[in-house]
Amino acid sequence: MAGLDWAAMLRAGFRAGGLRPQEVWGLTPAELLLLVGPEKAAAPLGRKGLDALIRHFPDLDGELDE
């Protein structure tokens, strides 16, 4: 399958998953990624990010009357 970093997937299976080579090769790429999780997860929205969203998208009092 083009585009997959097979060496990185093997390392992830060995290190994070504690799997043996034959177990890694028995998984589909999707199963392996699900097992070891994403390399980088998005950080949760903190107060600074929330304040930026509030400034960028202020409430429109009275403009959305139902």
C-alpha atoms as a PDB file:
ATOM      1  CA  MET A   1       0.000   0.000   0.000  1.00  0.00           C
ATOM      2  CA  ALA A   2       1.647   3.240  -1.129  1.00  0.00           C
ATOM      3  CA  GLY A   3       1.982   6.106   1.278  1.00  0.00           C
ATOM      4  CA  LEU A   4       2.249   4.099   4.485  1.00  0.00           C
ATOM      5  CA  ASP A   5       5.430   4.237   6.520  1.00  0.00           C
ATOM      6  CA  TRP A   6       5.683   0.511   7.169  1.00  0.00           C
ATOM      7  CA  ALA A   7       8.829   0.822   9.282  1.00  0.00           C
ATOM      8  CA  ALA A   8       7.117   3.329  11.577  1.00  0.00           C
ATOM      9  CA  MET A   9       4.049   1.111  11.800  1.00  0.00           C
ATOM     10  CA  LEU A  10       6.207  -1.872  12.755  1.00  0.00           C
ATOM     11  CA  ARG A  11       8.024   0.165  15.413  1.00  0.00           C
ATOM     12  CA  ALA A  12       4.676   1.350  16.778  1.00  0.00           C
ATOM     13  CA  GLY A  13       3.413  -2.215  16.962  1.00  0.00           C
ATOM     14  CA  PHE A  14       6.563  -3.414  18.698  1.00  0.00           C
ATOM     15  CA  ARG A  15       6.962  -0.523  21.117  1.00  0.00           C
ATOM     16  CA  ALA A  16       3.482   0.742  21.883  1.00  0.00           C
ATOM     17  CA  GLY A  17       1.559  -2.432  21.243  1.00  0.00           C
ATOM     18  CA  GLY A  18       4.087  -4.905  22.609  1.00  0.00           C
ATOM     19  CA  LEU A  19       3.389  -7.148  19.623  1.00  0.00           C
ATOM     20  CA  ARG A  20       5.609  -9.738  17.968  1.00  0.00           C
ATOM     21  CA  PRO A  21       6.388  -9.362  14.240  1.00  0.00           C
ATOM     22  CA  GLN A  22       3.899 -12.031  13.151  1.00  0.00           C
ATOM     23  CA  GLU A  23       1.181 -10.301  15.192  1.00  0.00           C
ATOM     24  CA  VAL A  24       1.924  -6.913  13.603  1.00  0.00           C
ATOM     25  CA  TRP A  25       1.806  -8.402  10.095  1.00  0.00           C
ATOM     26  CA  GLY A  26      -1.508 -10.057  10.934  1.00  0.00           C
ATOM     27  CA  LEU A  27      -3.143  -6.668  11.478  1.00  0.00           C
ATOM     28  CA  THR A  28      -4.509  -4.337   8.861  1.00  0.00           C
ATOM     29  CA  PRO A  29      -3.048  -0.804   8.914  1.00  0.00           C
ATOM     30  CA  ALA A  30      -6.335   0.469  10.349  1.00  0.00           C
ATOM     31  CA  GLU A  31      -6.240  -2.108  13.154  1.00  0.00           C
ATOM     32  CA  LEU A  32      -2.652  -1.213  14.000  1.00  0.00           C
ATOM     33  CA  LEU A  33      -3.403   2.514  14.104  1.00  0.00           C
ATOM     34  CA  LEU A  34      -6.429   1.855  16.283  1.00  0.00           C
ATOM     35  CA  LEU A  35      -4.311  -0.257  18.627  1.00  0.00           C
ATOM     36  CA  VAL A  36      -1.437   2.179  19.092  1.00  0.00           C
ATOM     37  CA  GLY A  37      -3.415   5.400  18.713  1.00  0.00           C
ATOM     38  CA  PRO A  38      -2.502   8.531  16.787  1.00  0.00           C
ATOM     39  CA  GLU A  39       1.047   9.828  17.027  1.00  0.00           C
ATOM     40  CA  LYS A  40      -0.108  13.355  17.750  1.00  0.00           C
ATOM     41  CA  ALA A  41      -3.483  14.118  19.166  1.00  0.00           C
ATOM     42  CA  ALA A  42      -4.911  17.597  19.056  1.00  0.00           C
ATOM     43  CA  ALA A  43      -4.594  19.413  22.344  1.00  0.00           C
ATOM     44  CA  PRO A  44      -7.872  20.168  24.075  1.00  0.00           C
ATOM     45  CA  LEU A  45      -9.245  23.678  23.768  1.00  0.00           C
ATOM     46  CA  GLY A  46      -7.850  25.780  26.608  1.00  0.00           C
ATOM     47  CA  ARG A  47      -9.021  29.091  27.996  1.00  0.00           C
ATOM     48  CA  LYS A  48      -6.777  31.081  25.650  1.00  0.00           C
ATOM     49  CA  GLY A  49      -8.244  29.315  22.622  1.00  0.00           C
ATOM     50  CA  LEU A  50     -11.780  29.751  23.890  1.00  0.00           C
ATOM     51  CA  ASP A  51     -11.209  33.483  24.442  1.00  0.00           C
ATOM     52  CA  ALA A  52      -9.883  33.778  20.876  1.00  0.00           C
ATOM     53  CA  LEU A  53     -12.995  32.032  19.515  1.00  0.00           C
ATOM     54  CA  ILE A  54     -15.277  34.312  21.546  1.00  0.00           C
ATOM     55  CA  ARG A  55     -13.500  37.401  20.174  1.00  0.00           C
ATOM     56  CA  HIS A  56     -13.610  36.084  16.618  1.00  0.00           C
ATOM     57  CA  PHE A  57     -17.234  34.873  16.787  1.00  0.00           C
ATOM     58  CA  PRO A  58     -19.101  37.159  19.210  1.00  0.00           C
ATOM     59  CA  ASP A  59     -22.724  36.523  20.125  1.00  0.00           C
ATOM     60  CA  LEU A  60     -25.129  38.443  17.942  1.00  0.00           C
ATOM     61  CA  ASP A  61     -27.711  39.534  20.534  1.00  0.00           C
ATOM     62  CA  GLY A  62     -31.080  40.166  18.932  1.00  0.00           C
ATOM     63  CA  GLU A  63     -29.953  39.425  15.387  1.00  0.00           C
ATOM     64  CA  LEU A  64     -31.124  35.819  15.371  1.00  0.00           C
ATOM     65  CA  ASP A  65     -34.694  36.286  16.618  1.00  0.00           C
ATOM     66  CA  GLU A  66     -36.850  33.242  16.145  1.00  0.00           C
END
